Amino acid sequence: MTFRARHLLGIEHLAPLEITTVLDLADRYVDLNRRTVKQSDVLAGMTQINMFFENSTRTQASFELAGKRLGADVMNMAVGQSSVKKGETLIDTALTLNAMHPDLLVVRHPSSGAVNLLASKVNCAVLNAGDGRHEHPTQALLDALTIRRAKGRIQRLTIAICGDIAHSRVARSNLILLGKMENRIRLIGPPTLMPAGIGAFGVEVFDDMRKGLAGADVVMMLRLQKERMDGGFIPSEREYYHRFGLDAEKLSHAKPDAIVMHPGPMNRGVEIDGDLADDINRSVIQDQVEMGVAVRMACMDLLARNLRAERGRKIVGAMV
């Protein structure tokens, strides 16, 4: 398998073949997770620490479950009760944890670049579980796996990403990944929620849902990131839903077999109609949750292999 990364900090530095490696291995973990006995020992003897400086349900739970199913010793650090609340810096926290010799460190942080900084201070493999507006690489990978399993491929599709593009690290990681895999990407949303210079990404931009969804294979809705907004980006949630919320009428402009996605958590009646979100014939939202565990298992497996190989080379080097 081709996967050279020491850390998983973003999609930007992954080659298409490395993305495919993750997806292929994750496919095997989907099969494992559907068995009665779901355990593997590929991380046996290794320690995984989860540090979440932001609230999370799906990501934290799936990383914890992934580590345990692979046989790792998993510790969830209670950041709200840690020395961070006493004024300890992120670097000091990293050095403290590094002294405990973990093997895998999973970090979510509200500041863009914080996870990269932390990775430069520790000896273990670091996985970015979302940093500010920067990236959320495992979300993009699980979205890619969901699309590939639903459509039979992850190339040459028309994919519409709709909603709050400006504040979304999910959108950024998906833009990079889907672009690497040669897809046609459309961004749909109000101009106030489009990042500056978005044209440089080689995407099509629409402020009309019906035009943007015309002929789409995949419709990916995004949550309004109200916690990252510091001004009046939309007139009201009611008006936003009227223009940019996904309902059956707007979806009818996409291909008849188009799938509907959402990374969660959903604001029903704001970004997406609740009945449509639950429509098992169109929605793959619950599939995304399932794929999240498998993708995170694959990522940790691959990073652990590289970590073991690196440590092995150091031991051999010390003996020479």
C-alpha atoms as a PDB file:
ATOM      1  CA  MET A   1       0.000   0.000   0.000  1.00  0.00           C
ATOM      2  CA  THR A   2       1.234   3.496  -0.864  1.00  0.00           C
ATOM      3  CA  PHE A   3       0.930   5.869   2.080  1.00  0.00           C
ATOM      4  CA  ARG A   4       4.001   7.870   3.077  1.00  0.00           C
ATOM      5  CA  ALA A   5       2.632  10.369   5.586  1.00  0.00           C
ATOM      6  CA  ARG A   6       3.969  10.568   9.125  1.00  0.00           C
ATOM      7  CA  HIS A   7       0.970  12.632  10.259  1.00  0.00           C
ATOM      8  CA  LEU A   8      -2.471  13.240   8.791  1.00  0.00           C
ATOM      9  CA  LEU A   9      -2.756  17.016   9.057  1.00  0.00           C
ATOM     10  CA  GLY A  10      -4.664  17.711   5.859  1.00  0.00           C
ATOM     11  CA  ILE A  11      -5.544  16.471   2.387  1.00  0.00           C
ATOM     12  CA  GLU A  12      -3.276  18.922   0.592  1.00  0.00           C
ATOM     13  CA  HIS A  13      -0.122  16.801   0.866  1.00  0.00           C
ATOM     14  CA  LEU A  14      -1.758  13.470  -0.021  1.00  0.00           C
ATOM     15  CA  ALA A  15      -1.284  12.128  -3.536  1.00  0.00           C
ATOM     16  CA  PRO A  16      -4.294  10.597  -5.330  1.00  0.00           C
ATOM     17  CA  LEU A  17      -2.762   7.129  -4.910  1.00  0.00           C
ATOM     18  CA  GLU A  18      -2.482   7.690  -1.141  1.00  0.00           C
ATOM     19  CA  ILE A  19      -6.145   8.728  -1.010  1.00  0.00           C
ATOM     20  CA  THR A  20      -7.071   5.559  -2.870  1.00  0.00           C
ATOM     21  CA  THR A  21      -4.956   3.523  -0.426  1.00  0.00           C
ATOM     22  CA  VAL A  22      -6.940   4.909   2.509  1.00  0.00           C
ATOM     23  CA  LEU A  23     -10.271   4.232   0.794  1.00  0.00           C
ATOM     24  CA  ASP A  24      -9.323   0.683  -0.193  1.00  0.00           C
ATOM     25  CA  LEU A  25      -8.227  -0.201   3.341  1.00  0.00           C
ATOM     26  CA  ALA A  26     -11.309   1.516   4.798  1.00  0.00           C
ATOM     27  CA  ASP A  27     -13.485  -0.687   2.583  1.00  0.00           C
ATOM     28  CA  ARG A  28     -12.006  -3.706   4.341  1.00  0.00           C
ATOM     29  CA  TYR A  29     -12.719  -2.152   7.733  1.00  0.00           C
ATOM     30  CA  VAL A  30     -16.350  -1.571   6.729  1.00  0.00           C
ATOM     31  CA  ASP A  31     -16.619  -5.341   6.340  1.00  0.00           C
ATOM     32  CA  LEU A  32     -14.965  -5.911   9.730  1.00  0.00           C
ATOM     33  CA  ASN A  33     -17.302  -3.437  11.437  1.00  0.00           C
ATOM     34  CA  ARG A  34     -20.350  -5.287  10.121  1.00  0.00           C
ATOM     35  CA  ARG A  35     -19.293  -8.573  11.697  1.00  0.00           C
ATOM     36  CA  THR A  36     -20.442  -9.821  15.082  1.00  0.00           C
ATOM     37  CA  VAL A  37     -16.840  -9.729  16.328  1.00  0.00           C
ATOM     38  CA  LYS A  38     -15.352  -6.389  15.288  1.00  0.00           C
ATOM     39  CA  GLN A  39     -11.920  -6.592  16.904  1.00  0.00           C
ATOM     40  CA  SER A  40      -8.492  -6.403  15.289  1.00  0.00           C
ATOM     41  CA  ASP A  41      -5.052  -6.278  16.894  1.00  0.00           C
ATOM     42  CA  VAL A  42      -3.211  -4.002  14.451  1.00  0.00           C
ATOM     43  CA  LEU A  43      -2.772  -1.326  17.156  1.00  0.00           C
ATOM     44  CA  ALA A  44      -2.210  -3.753  20.023  1.00  0.00           C
ATOM     45  CA  GLY A  45       0.293  -2.329  22.491  1.00  0.00           C
ATOM     46  CA  MET A  46      -0.106   1.223  21.143  1.00  0.00           C
ATOM     47  CA  THR A  47      -1.609   4.199  22.953  1.00  0.00           C
ATOM     48  CA  GLN A  48      -4.043   6.682  21.407  1.00  0.00           C
ATOM     49  CA  ILE A  49      -4.875  10.016  23.073  1.00  0.00           C
ATOM     50  CA  ASN A  50      -7.866  12.050  21.896  1.00  0.00           C
ATOM     51  CA  MET A  51      -7.661  15.803  22.601  1.00  0.00           C
ATOM     52  CA  PHE A  52     -10.795  17.692  21.617  1.00  0.00           C
ATOM     53  CA  PHE A  53     -10.690  21.429  22.337  1.00  0.00           C
ATOM     54  CA  GLU A  54     -14.066  21.783  20.571  1.00  0.00           C
ATOM     55  CA  ASN A  55     -17.283  19.875  21.161  1.00  0.00           C
ATOM     56  CA  SER A  56     -17.822  16.852  18.952  1.00  0.00           C
ATOM     57  CA  THR A  57     -20.156  13.877  18.756  1.00  0.00           C
ATOM     58  CA  ARG A  58     -19.487  11.969  15.526  1.00  0.00           C
ATOM     59  CA  THR A  59     -15.761  12.632  15.160  1.00  0.00           C
ATOM     60  CA  GLN A  60     -14.726  11.979  18.761  1.00  0.00           C
ATOM     61  CA  ALA A  61     -16.938   8.911  19.146  1.00  0.00           C
ATOM     62  CA  SER A  62     -15.748   7.404  15.862  1.00  0.00           C
ATOM     63  CA  PHE A  63     -12.056   7.975  16.643  1.00  0.00           C
ATOM     64  CA  GLU A  64     -12.505   6.373  20.067  1.00  0.00           C
ATOM     65  CA  LEU A  65     -14.391   3.429  18.600  1.00  0.00           C
ATOM     66  CA  ALA A  66     -11.864   3.063  15.769  1.00  0.00           C
ATOM     67  CA  GLY A  67      -8.936   2.900  18.178  1.00  0.00           C
ATOM     68  CA  LYS A  68     -10.617   0.374  20.447  1.00  0.00           C
ATOM     69  CA  ARG A  69     -11.634  -1.866  17.547  1.00  0.00           C
ATOM     70  CA  LEU A  70      -8.006  -1.888  16.414  1.00  0.00           C
ATOM     71  CA  GLY A  71      -6.807  -2.904  19.875  1.00  0.00           C
ATOM     72  CA  ALA A  72      -5.233   0.371  21.032  1.00  0.00           C
ATOM     73  CA  ASP A  73      -5.291   1.706  24.581  1.00  0.00           C
ATOM     74  CA  VAL A  74      -7.472   4.803  24.137  1.00  0.00           C
ATOM     75  CA  MET A  75      -7.519   7.828  26.444  1.00  0.00           C
ATOM     76  CA  ASN A  76      -9.942  10.718  25.995  1.00  0.00           C
ATOM     77  CA  MET A  77      -8.372  13.823  27.510  1.00  0.00           C
ATOM     78  CA  ALA A  78     -10.950  15.986  29.285  1.00  0.00           C
ATOM     79  CA  VAL A  79      -9.685  19.329  27.997  1.00  0.00           C
ATOM     80  CA  GLY A  80     -12.246  21.267  30.041  1.00  0.00           C
ATOM     81  CA  GLN A  81     -10.743  19.807  33.209  1.00  0.00           C
ATOM     82  CA  SER A  82      -7.097  19.923  32.109  1.00  0.00           C
ATOM     83  CA  SER A  83      -4.295  22.379  32.837  1.00  0.00           C
ATOM     84  CA  VAL A  84      -5.229  24.209  29.620  1.00  0.00           C
ATOM     85  CA  LYS A  85      -7.954  25.840  31.713  1.00  0.00           C
ATOM     86  CA  LYS A  86      -5.257  26.984  34.133  1.00  0.00           C
ATOM     87  CA  GLY A  87      -3.360  28.803  31.408  1.00  0.00           C
ATOM     88  CA  GLU A  88      -1.061  26.066  30.123  1.00  0.00           C
ATOM     89  CA  THR A  89      -0.078  26.634  26.493  1.00  0.00           C
ATOM     90  CA  LEU A  90      -0.821  24.156  23.728  1.00  0.00           C
ATOM     91  CA  ILE A  91       2.920  23.529  23.317  1.00  0.00           C
ATOM     92  CA  ASP A  92       3.389  22.761  27.027  1.00  0.00           C
ATOM     93  CA  THR A  93       0.409  20.428  26.903  1.00  0.00           C
ATOM     94  CA  ALA A  94       1.943  18.703  23.876  1.00  0.00           C
ATOM     95  CA  LEU A  95       5.311  18.311  25.586  1.00  0.00           C
ATOM     96  CA  THR A  96       3.637  16.895  28.688  1.00  0.00           C
ATOM     97  CA  LEU A  97       1.730  14.320  26.662  1.00  0.00           C
ATOM     98  CA  ASN A  98       4.815  13.536  24.586  1.00  0.00           C
ATOM     99  CA  ALA A  99       6.672  12.610  27.770  1.00  0.00           C
ATOM    100  CA  MET A 100       4.067   9.874  28.306  1.00  0.00           C
ATOM    101  CA  HIS A 101       5.082   8.265  24.967  1.00  0.00           C
ATOM    102  CA  PRO A 102       1.745   8.020  23.144  1.00  0.00           C
ATOM    103  CA  ASP A 103       1.735   6.561  19.638  1.00  0.00           C
ATOM    104  CA  LEU A 104      -1.279   8.325  18.124  1.00  0.00           C
ATOM    105  CA  LEU A 105      -2.581  11.768  19.023  1.00  0.00           C
ATOM    106  CA  VAL A 106      -5.986  12.860  17.683  1.00  0.00           C
ATOM    107  CA  VAL A 107      -6.564  16.613  17.998  1.00  0.00           C
ATOM    108  CA  ARG A 108      -9.449  18.977  17.303  1.00  0.00           C
ATOM    109  CA  HIS A 109      -8.761  22.667  17.933  1.00  0.00           C
ATOM    110  CA  PRO A 110     -10.611  25.936  17.155  1.00  0.00           C
ATOM    111  CA  SER A 111      -7.485  27.644  15.781  1.00  0.00           C
ATOM    112  CA  SER A 112      -6.301  27.004  12.232  1.00  0.00           C
ATOM    113  CA  GLY A 113      -2.762  25.638  12.225  1.00  0.00           C
ATOM    114  CA  ALA A 114      -2.788  24.591  15.889  1.00  0.00           C
ATOM    115  CA  VAL A 115      -2.625  20.888  15.033  1.00  0.00           C
ATOM    116  CA  ASN A 116       0.337  21.448  12.683  1.00  0.00           C
ATOM    117  CA  LEU A 117       2.167  23.299  15.464  1.00  0.00           C
ATOM    118  CA  LEU A 118       1.487  20.503  17.914  1.00  0.00           C
ATOM    119  CA  ALA A 119       2.698  17.871  15.444  1.00  0.00           C
ATOM    120  CA  SER A 120       6.082  19.599  15.266  1.00  0.00           C
ATOM    121  CA  LYS A 121       6.568  19.137  19.035  1.00  0.00           C
ATOM    122  CA  VAL A 122       5.781  15.447  19.511  1.00  0.00           C
ATOM    123  CA  ASN A 123       7.322  12.130  18.490  1.00  0.00           C
ATOM    124  CA  CYS A 124       4.039  10.313  17.799  1.00  0.00           C
ATOM    125  CA  ALA A 125       1.719  10.358  14.790  1.00  0.00           C
ATOM    126  CA  VAL A 126      -0.825  13.209  14.858  1.00  0.00           C
ATOM    127  CA  LEU A 127      -4.255  13.136  13.221  1.00  0.00           C
ATOM    128  CA  ASN A 128      -6.112  16.375  12.572  1.00  0.00           C
ATOM    129  CA  ALA A 129      -9.729  15.997  13.698  1.00  0.00           C
ATOM    130  CA  GLY A 130     -10.521  19.558  12.556  1.00  0.00           C
ATOM    131  CA  ASP A 131      -8.640  22.826  13.117  1.00  0.00           C
ATOM    132  CA  GLY A 132     -10.503  26.117  12.831  1.00  0.00           C
ATOM    133  CA  ARG A 133     -11.409  26.927   9.227  1.00  0.00           C
ATOM    134  CA  HIS A 134      -8.376  25.064   7.914  1.00  0.00           C
ATOM    135  CA  GLU A 135      -9.008  21.353   7.327  1.00  0.00           C
ATOM    136  CA  HIS A 136     -10.894  18.247   8.443  1.00  0.00           C
ATOM    137  CA  PRO A 137      -9.110  15.528   6.453  1.00  0.00           C
ATOM    138  CA  THR A 138     -10.836  12.421   7.789  1.00  0.00           C
ATOM    139  CA  GLN A 139     -14.251  13.969   7.041  1.00  0.00           C
ATOM    140  CA  ALA A 140     -13.252  14.459   3.399  1.00  0.00           C
ATOM    141  CA  LEU A 141     -11.942  10.890   3.239  1.00  0.00           C
ATOM    142  CA  LEU A 142     -15.129   9.416   4.700  1.00  0.00           C
ATOM    143  CA  ASP A 143     -17.184  11.548   2.309  1.00  0.00           C
ATOM    144  CA  ALA A 144     -15.095  10.199  -0.570  1.00  0.00           C
ATOM    145  CA  LEU A 145     -15.622   6.624   0.594  1.00  0.00           C
ATOM    146  CA  THR A 146     -19.375   7.219   0.897  1.00  0.00           C
ATOM    147  CA  ILE A 147     -19.515   8.629  -2.630  1.00  0.00           C
ATOM    148  CA  ARG A 148     -17.404   5.820  -4.075  1.00  0.00           C
ATOM    149  CA  ARG A 149     -19.570   3.116  -2.507  1.00  0.00           C
ATOM    150  CA  ALA A 150     -22.782   4.823  -3.666  1.00  0.00           C
ATOM    151  CA  LYS A 151     -21.619   5.751  -7.175  1.00  0.00           C
ATOM    152  CA  GLY A 152     -19.041   3.076  -7.902  1.00  0.00           C
ATOM    153  CA  ARG A 153     -16.300   5.656  -8.462  1.00  0.00           C
ATOM    154  CA  ILE A 154     -14.825   8.853  -7.029  1.00  0.00           C
ATOM    155  CA  GLN A 155     -13.723  10.403 -10.338  1.00  0.00           C
ATOM    156  CA  ARG A 156     -15.473  12.440 -13.037  1.00  0.00           C
ATOM    157  CA  LEU A 157     -18.588  13.233 -11.031  1.00  0.00           C
ATOM    158  CA  THR A 158     -20.438  16.545 -10.755  1.00  0.00           C
ATOM    159  CA  ILE A 159     -20.477  17.410  -7.063  1.00  0.00           C
ATOM    160  CA  ALA A 160     -22.352  20.381  -5.592  1.00  0.00           C
ATOM    161  CA  ILE A 161     -21.215  21.665  -2.190  1.00  0.00           C
ATOM    162  CA  CYS A 162     -23.877  23.950  -0.764  1.00  0.00           C
ATOM    163  CA  GLY A 163     -24.139  26.438   2.073  1.00  0.00           C
ATOM    164  CA  ASP A 164     -21.584  28.040   4.363  1.00  0.00           C
ATOM    165  CA  ILE A 165     -18.430  27.547   2.320  1.00  0.00           C
ATOM    166  CA  ALA A 166     -16.509  30.422   3.914  1.00  0.00           C
ATOM    167  CA  HIS A 167     -16.401  29.031   7.441  1.00  0.00           C
ATOM    168  CA  SER A 168     -16.259  25.313   6.633  1.00  0.00           C
ATOM    169  CA  ARG A 169     -13.099  23.243   7.047  1.00  0.00           C
ATOM    170  CA  VAL A 170     -15.141  20.331   5.661  1.00  0.00           C
ATOM    171  CA  ALA A 171     -15.667  22.267   2.430  1.00  0.00           C
ATOM    172  CA  ARG A 172     -11.959  23.092   2.161  1.00  0.00           C
ATOM    173  CA  SER A 173     -10.817  19.489   2.627  1.00  0.00           C
ATOM    174  CA  ASN A 174     -13.449  18.211   0.203  1.00  0.00           C
ATOM    175  CA  LEU A 175     -12.499  20.819  -2.394  1.00  0.00           C
ATOM    176  CA  ILE A 176      -8.896  19.645  -2.274  1.00  0.00           C
ATOM    177  CA  LEU A 177      -9.678  15.919  -2.275  1.00  0.00           C
ATOM    178  CA  LEU A 178     -12.398  15.982  -4.915  1.00  0.00           C
ATOM    179  CA  GLY A 179     -10.260  18.228  -7.095  1.00  0.00           C
ATOM    180  CA  LYS A 180      -7.327  15.807  -6.880  1.00  0.00           C
ATOM    181  CA  MET A 181      -9.672  13.025  -8.017  1.00  0.00           C
ATOM    182  CA  GLU A 182     -10.723  14.946 -11.160  1.00  0.00           C
ATOM    183  CA  ASN A 183     -14.312  15.827 -10.296  1.00  0.00           C
ATOM    184  CA  ARG A 184     -16.369  18.799 -11.448  1.00  0.00           C
ATOM    185  CA  ILE A 185     -17.063  20.858  -8.338  1.00  0.00           C
ATOM    186  CA  ARG A 186     -19.786  23.450  -7.905  1.00  0.00           C
ATOM    187  CA  LEU A 187     -20.118  25.716  -4.882  1.00  0.00           C
ATOM    188  CA  ILE A 188     -23.582  27.046  -4.111  1.00  0.00           C
ATOM    189  CA  GLY A 189     -24.446  29.659  -1.497  1.00  0.00           C
ATOM    190  CA  PRO A 190     -24.948  33.355  -0.817  1.00  0.00           C
ATOM    191  CA  PRO A 191     -22.004  35.621  -1.733  1.00  0.00           C
ATOM    192  CA  THR A 192     -21.588  36.478   1.962  1.00  0.00           C
ATOM    193  CA  LEU A 193     -20.727  32.832   2.672  1.00  0.00           C
ATOM    194  CA  MET A 194     -18.219  32.404  -0.163  1.00  0.00           C
ATOM    195  CA  PRO A 195     -14.523  32.844   0.691  1.00  0.00           C
ATOM    196  CA  ALA A 196     -12.516  35.517  -1.070  1.00  0.00           C
ATOM    197  CA  GLY A 197     -10.543  34.276  -4.066  1.00  0.00           C
ATOM    198  CA  ILE A 198     -12.553  31.079  -4.395  1.00  0.00           C
ATOM    199  CA  GLY A 199     -12.184  31.226  -8.186  1.00  0.00           C
ATOM    200  CA  ALA A 200      -8.544  30.202  -7.798  1.00  0.00           C
ATOM    201  CA  PHE A 201      -9.711  26.729  -6.781  1.00  0.00           C
ATOM    202  CA  GLY A 202     -10.985  25.994 -10.288  1.00  0.00           C
ATOM    203  CA  VAL A 203     -14.604  25.559  -9.235  1.00  0.00           C
ATOM    204  CA  GLU A 204     -17.940  26.877 -10.496  1.00  0.00           C
ATOM    205  CA  VAL A 205     -19.752  29.263  -8.149  1.00  0.00           C
ATOM    206  CA  PHE A 206     -23.537  29.737  -8.016  1.00  0.00           C
ATOM    207  CA  ASP A 207     -25.891  31.802  -5.875  1.00  0.00           C
ATOM    208  CA  ASP A 208     -28.934  30.031  -7.331  1.00  0.00           C
ATOM    209  CA  MET A 209     -29.601  26.535  -5.969  1.00  0.00           C
ATOM    210  CA  ARG A 210     -31.618  25.322  -8.935  1.00  0.00           C
ATOM    211  CA  LYS A 211     -28.989  26.324 -11.492  1.00  0.00           C
ATOM    212  CA  GLY A 212     -26.155  24.982  -9.380  1.00  0.00           C
ATOM    213  CA  LEU A 213     -27.822  21.619  -8.793  1.00  0.00           C
ATOM    214  CA  ALA A 214     -28.689  21.026 -12.461  1.00  0.00           C
ATOM    215  CA  GLY A 215     -27.252  17.634 -13.425  1.00  0.00           C
ATOM    216  CA  ALA A 216     -25.411  17.072 -10.148  1.00  0.00           C
ATOM    217  CA  ASP A 217     -24.465  13.515  -9.108  1.00  0.00           C
ATOM    218  CA  VAL A 218     -23.809  14.437  -5.481  1.00  0.00           C
ATOM    219  CA  VAL A 219     -25.378  17.159  -3.322  1.00  0.00           C
ATOM    220  CA  MET A 220     -23.348  17.917  -0.208  1.00  0.00           C
ATOM    221  CA  MET A 221     -25.029  20.258   2.261  1.00  0.00           C
ATOM    222  CA  LEU A 222     -23.058  22.137   4.919  1.00  0.00           C
ATOM    223  CA  ARG A 223     -24.005  23.366   8.364  1.00  0.00           C
ATOM    224  CA  LEU A 224     -24.262  27.089   9.024  1.00  0.00           C
ATOM    225  CA  GLN A 225     -21.192  27.694  11.220  1.00  0.00           C
ATOM    226  CA  LYS A 226     -22.875  30.254  13.439  1.00  0.00           C
ATOM    227  CA  GLU A 227     -20.182  29.940  16.106  1.00  0.00           C
ATOM    228  CA  ARG A 228     -17.615  31.239  13.586  1.00  0.00           C
ATOM    229  CA  MET A 229     -19.730  34.151  12.345  1.00  0.00           C
ATOM    230  CA  ASP A 230     -19.170  37.642  13.701  1.00  0.00           C
ATOM    231  CA  GLY A 231     -21.718  39.538  11.630  1.00  0.00           C
ATOM    232  CA  GLY A 232     -24.951  39.388   9.662  1.00  0.00           C
ATOM    233  CA  PHE A 233     -24.088  36.833   6.979  1.00  0.00           C
ATOM    234  CA  ILE A 234     -27.725  35.881   6.285  1.00  0.00           C
ATOM    235  CA  PRO A 235     -30.970  37.889   6.631  1.00  0.00           C
ATOM    236  CA  SER A 236     -32.662  35.148   8.691  1.00  0.00           C
ATOM    237  CA  GLU A 237     -32.709  31.341   8.947  1.00  0.00           C
ATOM    238  CA  ARG A 238     -36.162  31.329   7.356  1.00  0.00           C
ATOM    239  CA  GLU A 239     -34.952  33.300   4.337  1.00  0.00           C
ATOM    240  CA  TYR A 240     -31.815  31.148   4.121  1.00  0.00           C
ATOM    241  CA  TYR A 241     -33.889  27.953   3.987  1.00  0.00           C
ATOM    242  CA  HIS A 242     -36.151  29.454   1.336  1.00  0.00           C
ATOM    243  CA  ARG A 243     -33.195  30.209  -0.955  1.00  0.00           C
ATOM    244  CA  PHE A 244     -30.499  27.717  -0.009  1.00  0.00           C
ATOM    245  CA  GLY A 245     -32.082  24.973   2.088  1.00  0.00           C
ATOM    246  CA  LEU A 246     -32.356  21.640   0.301  1.00  0.00           C
ATOM    247  CA  ASP A 247     -35.863  20.343  -0.277  1.00  0.00           C
ATOM    248  CA  ALA A 248     -37.432  17.934  -2.768  1.00  0.00           C
ATOM    249  CA  GLU A 249     -38.220  20.664  -5.294  1.00  0.00           C
ATOM    250  CA  LYS A 250     -34.649  21.977  -5.442  1.00  0.00           C
ATOM    251  CA  LEU A 251     -33.231  18.446  -5.476  1.00  0.00           C
ATOM    252  CA  SER A 252     -35.391  17.633  -8.522  1.00  0.00           C
ATOM    253  CA  HIS A 253     -32.962  19.735 -10.608  1.00  0.00           C
ATOM    254  CA  ALA A 254     -30.118  17.297  -9.856  1.00  0.00           C
ATOM    255  CA  LYS A 255     -29.829  13.896 -11.523  1.00  0.00           C
ATOM    256  CA  PRO A 256     -32.604  11.441 -10.592  1.00  0.00           C
ATOM    257  CA  ASP A 257     -30.071   9.212  -8.818  1.00  0.00           C
ATOM    258  CA  ALA A 258     -28.212  12.042  -7.070  1.00  0.00           C
ATOM    259  CA  ILE A 259     -27.245  11.327  -3.471  1.00  0.00           C
ATOM    260  CA  VAL A 260     -27.653  13.766  -0.577  1.00  0.00           C
ATOM    261  CA  MET A 261     -24.907  14.257   2.018  1.00  0.00           C
ATOM    262  CA  HIS A 262     -24.381  16.282   5.205  1.00  0.00           C
ATOM    263  CA  PRO A 263     -21.396  16.080   7.600  1.00  0.00           C
ATOM    264  CA  GLY A 264     -23.554  16.817  10.640  1.00  0.00           C
ATOM    265  CA  PRO A 265     -24.731  18.081  12.944  1.00  0.00           C
ATOM    266  CA  MET A 266     -27.754  19.082  10.854  1.00  0.00           C
ATOM    267  CA  ASN A 267     -30.016  22.062  11.372  1.00  0.00           C
ATOM    268  CA  ARG A 268     -33.237  20.577  10.017  1.00  0.00           C
ATOM    269  CA  GLY A 269     -35.444  23.139   8.334  1.00  0.00           C
ATOM    270  CA  VAL A 270     -32.467  25.479   7.881  1.00  0.00           C
ATOM    271  CA  GLU A 271     -29.993  23.637   5.644  1.00  0.00           C
ATOM    272  CA  ILE A 272     -32.080  20.623   4.732  1.00  0.00           C
ATOM    273  CA  ASP A 273     -35.658  19.376   4.883  1.00  0.00           C
ATOM    274  CA  GLY A 274     -35.984  16.772   7.621  1.00  0.00           C
ATOM    275  CA  ASP A 275     -37.932  14.292   5.496  1.00  0.00           C
ATOM    276  CA  LEU A 276     -35.305  14.490   2.762  1.00  0.00           C
ATOM    277  CA  ALA A 277     -32.495  13.941   5.266  1.00  0.00           C
ATOM    278  CA  ASP A 278     -34.234  10.716   6.349  1.00  0.00           C
ATOM    279  CA  ASP A 279     -35.092   9.503   2.834  1.00  0.00           C
ATOM    280  CA  ILE A 280     -33.202   6.218   2.510  1.00  0.00           C
ATOM    281  CA  ASN A 281     -33.532   6.360  -1.272  1.00  0.00           C
ATOM    282  CA  ARG A 282     -31.605   9.648  -1.586  1.00  0.00           C
ATOM    283  CA  SER A 283     -29.831  10.399   1.679  1.00  0.00           C
ATOM    284  CA  VAL A 284     -26.498   8.748   2.573  1.00  0.00           C
ATOM    285  CA  ILE A 285     -26.054  10.773   5.766  1.00  0.00           C
ATOM    286  CA  GLN A 286     -26.134   7.719   8.031  1.00  0.00           C
ATOM    287  CA  ASP A 287     -23.749   5.949   5.647  1.00  0.00           C
ATOM    288  CA  GLN A 288     -21.314   8.819   6.215  1.00  0.00           C
ATOM    289  CA  VAL A 289     -21.402   8.139   9.938  1.00  0.00           C
ATOM    290  CA  GLU A 290     -20.690   4.436   9.350  1.00  0.00           C
ATOM    291  CA  MET A 291     -17.861   5.198   6.921  1.00  0.00           C
ATOM    292  CA  GLY A 292     -16.325   7.560   9.479  1.00  0.00           C
ATOM    293  CA  VAL A 293     -15.347   4.714  11.794  1.00  0.00           C
ATOM    294  CA  ALA A 294     -13.850   2.650   8.954  1.00  0.00           C
ATOM    295  CA  VAL A 295     -11.890   5.577   7.488  1.00  0.00           C
ATOM    296  CA  ARG A 296     -10.447   6.528  10.861  1.00  0.00           C
ATOM    297  CA  MET A 297      -9.439   2.921  11.446  1.00  0.00           C
ATOM    298  CA  ALA A 298      -7.663   2.913   8.079  1.00  0.00           C
ATOM    299  CA  CYS A 299      -5.875   6.202   8.756  1.00  0.00           C
ATOM    300  CA  MET A 300      -4.613   5.079  12.163  1.00  0.00           C
ATOM    301  CA  ASP A 301      -3.572   1.687  10.790  1.00  0.00           C
ATOM    302  CA  LEU A 302      -1.506   3.298   7.998  1.00  0.00           C
ATOM    303  CA  LEU A 303       0.101   5.887  10.283  1.00  0.00           C
ATOM    304  CA  ALA A 304       0.930   3.180  12.828  1.00  0.00           C
ATOM    305  CA  ARG A 305       2.677   1.148  10.121  1.00  0.00           C
ATOM    306  CA  ASN A 306       4.800   4.145   9.177  1.00  0.00           C
ATOM    307  CA  LEU A 307       5.544   4.899  12.834  1.00  0.00           C
ATOM    308  CA  ARG A 308       6.683   1.329  13.497  1.00  0.00           C
ATOM    309  CA  ALA A 309       8.858   1.380  10.370  1.00  0.00           C
ATOM    310  CA  GLU A 310      10.438   4.683  11.432  1.00  0.00           C
ATOM    311  CA  ARG A 311      11.178   3.383  14.915  1.00  0.00           C
ATOM    312  CA  GLY A 312      12.617   0.212  13.424  1.00  0.00           C
ATOM    313  CA  ARG A 313      15.006   2.217  11.253  1.00  0.00           C
ATOM    314  CA  LYS A 314      16.144   4.215  14.276  1.00  0.00           C
ATOM    315  CA  ILE A 315      16.879   1.048  16.233  1.00  0.00           C
ATOM    316  CA  VAL A 316      18.863  -0.407  13.329  1.00  0.00           C
ATOM    317  CA  GLY A 317      20.712   2.883  12.924  1.00  0.00           C
ATOM    318  CA  ALA A 318      21.623   2.953  16.606  1.00  0.00           C
ATOM    319  CA  MET A 319      23.033  -0.571  16.349  1.00  0.00           C
ATOM    320  CA  VAL A 320      25.270   0.210  13.387  1.00  0.00           C
END
